[in-house]
Amino acid sequence: MENKFIGRYIVVDPNICHGKPTFRGTRIMVSDVLEQVAEGLAWESIIEGWHNSISKDAIAEALQLSRQAFLNHVTEFALEPSS
């Protein structure tokens, strides 16, 4: 398997982070940054925390792709109604 570019800033490389999506040119996993966004950290703090290795545009792309993935698979997340 070779590198797969998921977007402008996100890549899947089987030799980096076990093939998990990372930001291009880094070993920063997209899931880690999404978790920081979900925790409410300011984007500027996230960027500083990763030593300016990612940008606001990269975070925005990760969120846009996550949104699309969620919309495409929303039924898989649906909870059964409780009785």
Protein backbone atom coordinates (compact mmCIF):
# COMPACT_ATOMS: atom_id res chain seq x y z
CA MET A 1 0.00 0.00 0.00
CA GLU A 2 1.25 3.47 -0.80
CA ASN A 3 0.42 6.91 0.56
CA LYS A 4 -3.14 8.06 0.09
CA PHE A 5 -3.86 11.75 0.18
CA ILE A 6 -7.22 12.29 1.86
CA GLY A 7 -7.13 16.02 1.30
CA ARG A 8 -4.64 18.80 0.92
CA TYR A 9 -3.35 18.38 4.48
CA ILE A 10 -4.21 14.82 5.46
CA VAL A 11 -2.46 11.65 4.38
CA VAL A 12 -2.60 7.94 5.16
CA ASP A 13 0.83 6.31 5.01
CA PRO A 14 1.14 2.67 6.08
CA ASN A 15 4.63 3.43 7.41
CA ILE A 16 3.52 6.28 9.67
CA CYS A 17 1.39 5.79 12.80
CA HIS A 18 0.24 2.35 11.65
CA GLY A 19 -1.59 3.84 8.67
CA LYS A 20 -3.80 6.15 10.72
CA PRO A 21 -4.61 9.52 9.10
CA THR A 22 -1.97 12.12 9.91
CA PHE A 23 -1.31 15.67 8.88
CA ARG A 24 0.94 15.76 5.85
CA GLY A 25 4.64 15.93 6.71
CA THR A 26 4.05 15.11 10.39
CA ARG A 27 3.33 12.21 12.70
CA ILE A 28 0.42 14.12 14.22
CA MET A 29 -2.66 11.96 14.09
CA VAL A 30 -5.82 13.68 12.91
CA SER A 31 -7.79 11.91 15.64
CA ASP A 32 -5.63 13.55 18.33
CA VAL A 33 -6.30 17.02 16.96
CA LEU A 34 -10.03 16.32 16.57
CA GLU A 35 -10.10 15.24 20.20
CA GLN A 36 -8.49 18.52 21.22
CA VAL A 37 -11.09 20.45 19.21
CA ALA A 38 -13.86 18.42 20.85
CA GLU A 39 -12.41 19.26 24.26
CA GLY A 40 -12.85 22.94 23.41
CA LEU A 41 -9.21 23.93 23.03
CA ALA A 42 -8.67 27.05 20.98
CA TRP A 43 -7.23 26.32 17.56
CA GLU A 44 -4.32 28.64 18.29
CA SER A 45 -3.50 26.61 21.41
CA ILE A 46 -3.68 23.38 19.44
CA ILE A 47 -1.34 24.75 16.80
CA GLU A 48 1.10 26.02 19.42
CA GLY A 49 0.93 22.70 21.26
CA TRP A 50 2.03 20.93 18.08
CA HIS A 51 4.86 23.46 17.62
CA ASN A 52 3.20 25.12 14.60
CA SER A 53 3.44 21.85 12.62
CA ILE A 54 -0.21 22.18 11.57
CA SER A 55 -2.29 25.14 10.46
CA LYS A 56 -5.84 26.42 10.90
CA ASP A 57 -6.53 25.30 7.34
CA ALA A 58 -5.38 21.77 8.22
CA ILE A 59 -7.66 21.67 11.27
CA ALA A 60 -10.56 23.00 9.21
CA GLU A 61 -9.99 20.30 6.60
CA ALA A 62 -9.98 17.62 9.30
CA LEU A 63 -13.29 18.94 10.65
CA GLN A 64 -14.85 19.12 7.19
CA LEU A 65 -13.82 15.55 6.38
CA SER A 66 -15.06 14.38 9.79
CA ARG A 67 -18.39 16.08 9.19
CA GLN A 68 -18.77 14.37 5.83
CA ALA A 69 -17.81 10.98 7.27
CA PHE A 70 -20.34 11.43 10.06
CA LEU A 71 -23.11 12.36 7.63
CA ASN A 72 -22.27 9.38 5.44
CA HIS A 73 -22.40 6.98 8.41
CA VAL A 74 -24.89 8.63 10.78
CA THR A 75 -27.14 5.56 10.91
CA GLU A 76 -24.25 3.55 12.34
CA PHE A 77 -24.19 5.92 15.34
CA ALA A 78 -27.93 5.87 15.97
CA LEU A 79 -28.90 4.61 19.40
CA GLU A 80 -31.79 2.25 19.92
CA PRO A 81 -34.72 3.96 21.64
CA SER A 82 -34.92 3.07 25.31
CA SER A 83 -38.11 1.50 26.59
